[in-house]
Amino acid sequence: MYYYIKGYVKEVESNFIVLDCNGIGYQITVSNPFAFPTNEEVKVYVYTHIREDEQSLYGFKTKEEKELFLKLLNVKGVGPKLVMPMLATGSVSGIIDAIDRENVLYLKKFPKVGDKVARQIILDLKGKLATSINTTMIGGFDELLSVLEGLGYKTQDVKKILPNVDGSKQIEEQVKDALKLLLK
């Protein structure tokens, strides 16, 4: 199916965007539609969800967000409509950290996630996310990682904030953003 779609955001609604790509408007459900600037070209990583009565596109700003979405979909009892609110209100690193630390309370704060679903997510994904998602994520942030390690920050602390740093910015801006996140 589609890996990503590059185009111009023409409409922003409460839970989706309309992405114009060569005259075709794709309705893409996203976790935070207002994070996409209107009338600017963006790359949206997509997942095509096909069911007997539904065909939907789900979109993500980063590969890591999409990868976490796909991993969560593999959990019994978890579907796209449960995962999207998780991504809207939680960060990729926060969700991974909660799963690895078996933080049921953190996971239960998301809509429609009860005790049973939270425990199932932890059971299925504990220890499997940090390595797979962080290794793919670090590839684009080698320079940023080395700069922050040079400043004395621990690699594991830096890896936690990388999903929240915009990889398309210049390295100086990435360092500023990363330092703000690390100092929180």
Protein backbone atom coordinates (compact mmCIF):
# COMPACT_ATOMS: atom_id res chain seq x y z
CA MET A 1 0.00 0.00 0.00
CA TYR A 2 1.02 3.63 0.44
CA TYR A 3 4.07 4.48 2.56
CA TYR A 4 3.64 8.26 2.49
CA ILE A 5 1.80 10.91 0.52
CA LYS A 6 3.34 14.31 -0.21
CA GLY A 7 1.02 17.15 -0.99
CA TYR A 8 -0.65 20.34 0.18
CA VAL A 9 -2.99 20.46 3.18
CA LYS A 10 -6.19 22.01 1.85
CA GLU A 11 -8.55 21.43 4.79
CA VAL A 12 -8.14 20.81 8.50
CA GLU A 13 -11.07 19.30 10.38
CA SER A 14 -11.41 18.07 13.96
CA ASN A 15 -9.93 14.61 13.33
CA PHE A 16 -8.67 14.60 9.74
CA ILE A 17 -6.92 16.60 7.07
CA VAL A 18 -7.50 16.75 3.33
CA LEU A 19 -4.21 16.40 1.50
CA ASP A 20 -4.21 17.51 -2.15
CA CYS A 21 -1.75 15.45 -4.17
CA ASN A 22 -1.84 16.18 -7.91
CA GLY A 23 -5.49 17.17 -7.86
CA ILE A 24 -6.71 14.29 -5.71
CA GLY A 25 -7.88 15.13 -2.18
CA TYR A 26 -7.04 12.39 0.31
CA GLN A 27 -9.00 12.41 3.58
CA ILE A 28 -6.45 11.28 6.16
CA THR A 29 -7.35 10.69 9.80
CA VAL A 30 -4.56 12.11 11.98
CA SER A 31 -4.00 12.35 15.73
CA ASN A 32 -3.52 16.13 15.71
CA PRO A 33 -4.84 17.79 12.54
CA PHE A 34 -3.87 21.27 13.71
CA ALA A 35 -0.18 20.29 13.65
CA PHE A 36 -0.36 20.35 9.84
CA PRO A 37 -0.03 23.83 8.31
CA THR A 38 -2.71 24.74 5.75
CA ASN A 39 -1.64 25.37 2.14
CA GLU A 40 1.90 24.11 2.75
CA GLU A 41 3.47 21.02 1.25
CA VAL A 42 3.91 18.23 3.80
CA LYS A 43 4.86 14.57 3.80
CA VAL A 44 2.37 12.40 5.65
CA TYR A 45 3.27 8.80 6.45
CA VAL A 46 0.11 6.77 5.94
CA TYR A 47 -1.46 3.46 6.87
CA THR A 48 -4.33 2.10 4.80
CA HIS A 49 -6.95 0.43 6.96
CA ILE A 50 -9.31 -1.82 5.00
CA ARG A 51 -12.30 -3.58 6.50
CA GLU A 52 -15.39 -5.09 4.93
CA ASP A 53 -17.38 -1.88 5.42
CA GLU A 54 -14.59 0.71 5.69
CA GLN A 55 -11.53 1.94 3.85
CA SER A 56 -9.56 4.63 5.68
CA LEU A 57 -6.20 6.36 5.59
CA TYR A 58 -4.45 7.12 8.87
CA GLY A 59 -1.63 9.66 8.78
CA PHE A 60 1.44 10.46 10.86
CA LYS A 61 4.03 13.25 10.94
CA THR A 62 6.93 10.88 11.63
CA LYS A 63 7.95 7.32 10.79
CA GLU A 64 8.28 6.58 14.51
CA GLU A 65 4.67 7.57 15.16
CA LYS A 66 3.54 5.30 12.33
CA GLU A 67 5.69 2.44 13.57
CA LEU A 68 4.27 2.72 17.10
CA PHE A 69 0.75 2.81 15.62
CA LEU A 70 1.44 -0.42 13.69
CA LYS A 71 2.89 -2.15 16.77
CA LEU A 72 -0.13 -1.15 18.86
CA LEU A 73 -2.50 -2.48 16.17
CA ASN A 74 -0.99 -5.94 16.66
CA VAL A 75 -2.24 -6.02 20.26
CA LYS A 76 -5.41 -8.07 20.76
CA GLY A 77 -8.43 -5.80 21.20
CA VAL A 78 -6.70 -2.65 19.91
CA GLY A 79 -7.81 -0.92 16.70
CA PRO A 80 -7.03 2.35 14.92
CA LYS A 81 -9.81 4.27 16.66
CA LEU A 82 -8.28 3.38 20.03
CA VAL A 83 -4.68 4.14 19.02
CA MET A 84 -5.24 7.57 17.40
CA PRO A 85 -6.36 9.26 20.65
CA MET A 86 -3.32 7.74 22.36
CA LEU A 87 -1.02 9.37 19.82
CA ALA A 88 -2.95 12.65 20.07
CA THR A 89 -2.51 13.02 23.82
CA GLY A 90 0.75 11.15 24.42
CA SER A 91 4.20 11.30 22.88
CA VAL A 92 5.82 8.32 21.19
CA SER A 93 8.57 8.21 23.81
CA GLY A 94 6.06 8.60 26.66
CA ILE A 95 3.94 5.68 25.46
CA ILE A 96 7.00 3.48 24.93
CA ASP A 97 8.33 4.40 28.36
CA ALA A 98 4.96 3.62 30.01
CA ILE A 99 4.84 0.21 28.34
CA ASP A 100 8.42 -0.65 29.31
CA ARG A 101 7.87 0.46 32.91
CA GLU A 102 4.50 -1.31 33.08
CA ASN A 103 2.78 1.98 33.93
CA VAL A 104 -0.87 0.92 33.71
CA LEU A 105 -2.09 4.26 35.12
CA TYR A 106 -0.43 6.21 32.30
CA LEU A 107 -2.01 3.99 29.65
CA LYS A 108 -5.44 4.14 31.32
CA LYS A 109 -5.52 7.93 30.97
CA PHE A 110 -6.20 7.50 27.24
CA PRO A 111 -9.84 7.31 26.05
CA LYS A 112 -11.28 3.78 25.83
CA VAL A 113 -8.19 2.21 27.42
CA GLY A 114 -9.21 0.31 30.52
CA ASP A 115 -7.23 -1.90 32.87
CA LYS A 116 -7.59 -4.99 30.68
CA VAL A 117 -6.46 -3.29 27.45
CA ALA A 118 -3.57 -1.51 29.21
CA ARG A 119 -2.31 -4.80 30.64
CA GLN A 120 -2.66 -6.50 27.25
CA ILE A 121 -0.61 -3.74 25.60
CA ILE A 122 2.11 -4.14 28.23
CA LEU A 123 2.06 -7.94 27.94
CA ASP A 124 2.38 -7.90 24.15
CA LEU A 125 4.83 -5.01 23.69
CA LYS A 126 7.03 -4.68 26.80
CA GLY A 127 10.67 -4.63 25.77
CA LYS A 128 9.87 -4.80 22.05
CA LEU A 129 9.31 -1.13 21.24
CA ALA A 130 12.31 0.77 22.54
CA THR A 131 14.81 -1.18 20.50
CA SER A 132 12.90 -1.37 17.21
CA ILE A 133 11.58 2.20 17.14
CA ASN A 134 14.60 3.95 18.66
CA THR A 135 17.11 2.31 16.32
CA THR A 136 15.22 3.42 13.22
CA MET A 137 14.69 6.84 14.73
CA ILE A 138 18.34 7.47 15.57
CA GLY A 139 19.39 7.05 11.93
CA GLY A 140 18.27 10.60 11.04
CA PHE A 141 19.58 12.13 14.27
CA ASP A 142 23.18 10.87 14.39
CA GLU A 143 24.63 14.38 14.47
CA LEU A 144 22.16 15.61 17.08
CA LEU A 145 22.82 12.56 19.25
CA SER A 146 26.58 13.09 19.15
CA VAL A 147 26.24 16.82 19.94
CA LEU A 148 24.04 16.15 22.97
CA GLU A 149 26.29 13.33 24.19
CA GLY A 150 29.20 15.76 23.84
CA LEU A 151 27.32 18.14 26.13
CA GLY A 152 27.13 15.39 28.75
CA TYR A 153 23.61 14.02 28.25
CA LYS A 154 23.03 10.28 28.54
CA THR A 155 22.17 8.41 25.34
CA GLN A 156 19.01 6.91 26.83
CA ASP A 157 17.73 10.36 27.89
CA VAL A 158 18.38 11.75 24.41
CA LYS A 159 16.63 8.79 22.73
CA LYS A 160 13.48 9.50 24.74
CA ILE A 161 13.12 13.04 23.40
CA LEU A 162 14.13 12.39 19.76
CA PRO A 163 10.56 11.67 18.57
CA ASN A 164 9.62 15.19 19.62
CA VAL A 165 12.39 16.91 17.64
CA ASP A 166 11.66 18.06 14.08
CA GLY A 167 14.21 16.31 11.86
CA SER A 168 13.64 18.72 8.98
CA LYS A 169 15.14 21.68 10.87
CA GLN A 170 18.78 22.75 10.77
CA ILE A 171 21.04 21.10 13.37
CA GLU A 172 21.26 24.31 15.43
CA GLU A 173 17.46 24.45 15.75
CA GLN A 174 17.33 20.72 16.54
CA VAL A 175 19.84 21.21 19.36
CA LYS A 176 17.83 24.14 20.79
CA ASP A 177 14.59 22.12 20.66
CA ALA A 178 16.26 19.06 22.18
CA LEU A 179 17.78 21.07 25.01
CA LYS A 180 14.38 22.58 25.85
CA LEU A 181 12.91 19.07 26.02
CA LEU A 182 15.78 17.70 28.09
CA LEU A 183 15.51 20.54 30.61
CA LYS A 184 11.79 19.92 31.26
